[in-house]
Amino acid sequence: MIAENTQTQMRKGILEYCILAVISRGEIYASDIISELKRAELLVVEGTLYPLLTRLKNNGLLSYSWKESTSGPPRKYYQITELGLSVLKKLDVTWKELVFAVETSVKQGSNQQPNENK
């Protein structure tokens, strides 16, 4: 149970970063964002995605436009803004630093012998 909670928190912590990265590749519809994240095995549902998209838009990191659909009502397509690209670049650096720190910590920890005197 503790491991599952930690896994959930870790995924939530990187979700916004991943969403910005997906949208940075080009204009995209929300269900396509979900598909991209599922393909990367980062499972997310609409109930999680839409509030995040709204927050990112309200913070000026995303914009959207409505486009006609051949299969129903107009759809909202998201684009990353210049500010969003700037934030994404900073998150890229932070991610690389975190990966290095975690990998280094895990490697160092697995190389040490347990202290039996404790």
Protein backbone atom coordinates (compact mmCIF):
# COMPACT_ATOMS: atom_id res chain seq x y z
CA MET A 1 0.00 0.00 0.00
CA ILE A 2 2.81 2.44 0.84
CA ALA A 3 4.60 1.60 -2.42
CA GLU A 4 1.40 2.17 -4.42
CA ASN A 5 0.89 5.58 -2.81
CA THR A 6 4.50 6.54 -3.54
CA GLN A 7 4.14 5.40 -7.16
CA THR A 8 0.97 7.46 -7.54
CA GLN A 9 2.64 10.56 -6.09
CA MET A 10 5.67 10.13 -8.35
CA ARG A 11 3.44 9.87 -11.43
CA LYS A 12 1.41 12.93 -10.42
CA GLY A 13 4.62 14.87 -9.93
CA ILE A 14 5.74 14.36 -13.51
CA LEU A 15 2.37 14.47 -15.25
CA GLU A 16 2.40 18.22 -16.02
CA TYR A 17 5.92 17.90 -17.42
CA CYS A 18 4.85 15.05 -19.68
CA ILE A 19 1.72 16.90 -20.81
CA LEU A 20 3.77 19.96 -21.76
CA ALA A 21 6.24 17.74 -23.62
CA VAL A 22 3.45 16.04 -25.60
CA ILE A 23 1.79 19.35 -26.51
CA SER A 24 5.14 20.89 -27.47
CA ARG A 25 5.28 18.53 -30.47
CA GLY A 26 2.27 20.24 -32.03
CA GLU A 27 -1.36 21.18 -31.67
CA ILE A 28 -3.28 18.30 -30.10
CA TYR A 29 -6.74 17.25 -28.96
CA ALA A 30 -7.23 16.13 -25.34
CA SER A 31 -8.08 12.50 -26.15
CA ASP A 32 -4.90 12.32 -28.25
CA ILE A 33 -2.92 13.56 -25.22
CA ILE A 34 -4.40 10.70 -23.20
CA SER A 35 -3.47 8.25 -25.96
CA GLU A 36 0.12 9.53 -26.04
CA LEU A 37 0.43 9.22 -22.26
CA LYS A 38 -1.08 5.72 -22.28
CA ARG A 39 1.36 4.70 -25.02
CA ALA A 40 4.14 5.84 -22.67
CA GLU A 41 2.47 3.76 -19.90
CA LEU A 42 1.64 6.88 -17.92
CA LEU A 43 -2.03 6.22 -17.34
CA VAL A 44 -4.28 9.22 -17.01
CA VAL A 45 -8.04 9.70 -17.26
CA GLU A 46 -10.06 12.66 -18.50
CA GLY A 47 -11.02 13.58 -14.94
CA THR A 48 -7.33 14.11 -14.20
CA LEU A 49 -6.30 15.63 -17.53
CA TYR A 50 -8.85 18.42 -17.93
CA PRO A 51 -8.16 20.15 -14.60
CA LEU A 52 -4.42 20.02 -15.39
CA LEU A 53 -4.98 21.49 -18.85
CA THR A 54 -7.11 24.25 -17.35
CA ARG A 55 -4.45 25.07 -14.75
CA LEU A 56 -1.69 25.09 -17.38
CA LYS A 57 -3.81 27.37 -19.58
CA ASN A 58 -4.63 29.70 -16.68
CA ASN A 59 -0.90 29.92 -15.90
CA GLY A 60 -0.22 30.99 -19.49
CA LEU A 61 1.62 27.80 -20.47
CA LEU A 62 -1.02 26.61 -22.95
CA SER A 63 -3.56 28.12 -25.27
CA TYR A 64 -6.32 26.45 -27.24
CA SER A 65 -8.40 26.94 -30.34
CA TRP A 66 -11.66 25.44 -31.47
CA LYS A 67 -11.66 23.44 -34.70
CA GLU A 68 -14.54 21.93 -36.61
CA SER A 69 -14.84 18.17 -36.42
CA THR A 70 -16.09 15.84 -39.12
CA SER A 71 -17.58 13.57 -36.46
CA GLY A 72 -19.47 15.91 -34.16
CA PRO A 73 -19.17 19.27 -32.43
CA PRO A 74 -16.07 21.49 -32.66
CA ARG A 75 -13.05 20.28 -30.70
CA LYS A 76 -10.64 22.15 -28.47
CA TYR A 77 -7.02 21.79 -29.61
CA TYR A 78 -4.21 22.74 -27.27
CA GLN A 79 -0.95 24.50 -28.17
CA ILE A 80 2.04 25.33 -25.99
CA THR A 81 2.83 29.03 -25.56
CA GLU A 82 6.26 30.69 -25.55
CA LEU A 83 6.07 30.78 -21.75
CA GLY A 84 5.14 27.08 -21.80
CA LEU A 85 8.20 26.30 -23.94
CA SER A 86 10.39 28.24 -21.52
CA VAL A 87 8.97 26.33 -18.55
CA LEU A 88 9.37 23.05 -20.44
CA LYS A 89 13.06 23.77 -21.03
CA LYS A 90 13.53 24.40 -17.30
CA LEU A 91 11.66 21.19 -16.48
CA ASP A 92 13.91 19.31 -18.94
CA VAL A 93 16.95 20.46 -16.95
CA THR A 94 15.29 19.64 -13.64
CA TRP A 95 14.29 16.18 -14.90
CA LYS A 96 17.86 15.38 -15.99
CA GLU A 97 19.18 16.54 -12.62
CA LEU A 98 16.62 14.39 -10.78
CA VAL A 99 17.35 11.32 -12.89
CA PHE A 100 21.07 11.73 -12.21
CA ALA A 101 20.48 12.23 -8.47
CA VAL A 102 18.16 9.23 -8.17
CA GLU A 103 20.35 6.93 -10.26
CA THR A 104 23.43 7.98 -8.32
CA SER A 105 21.68 7.47 -4.98
CA VAL A 106 20.31 4.08 -5.95
CA LYS A 107 23.67 2.86 -7.31
CA GLN A 108 25.54 4.04 -4.22
CA GLY A 109 22.96 2.49 -1.95
CA SER A 110 23.09 -0.90 -3.68
CA ASN A 111 26.92 -0.98 -3.50
CA GLN A 112 27.00 -0.68 0.29
CA GLN A 113 26.87 -3.67 2.58
CA PRO A 114 24.26 -3.55 5.35
CA ASN A 115 25.73 -2.69 8.72
CA GLU A 116 24.97 -5.64 10.99
CA ASN A 117 26.03 -3.74 14.12
CA LYS A 118 23.05 -1.38 14.01
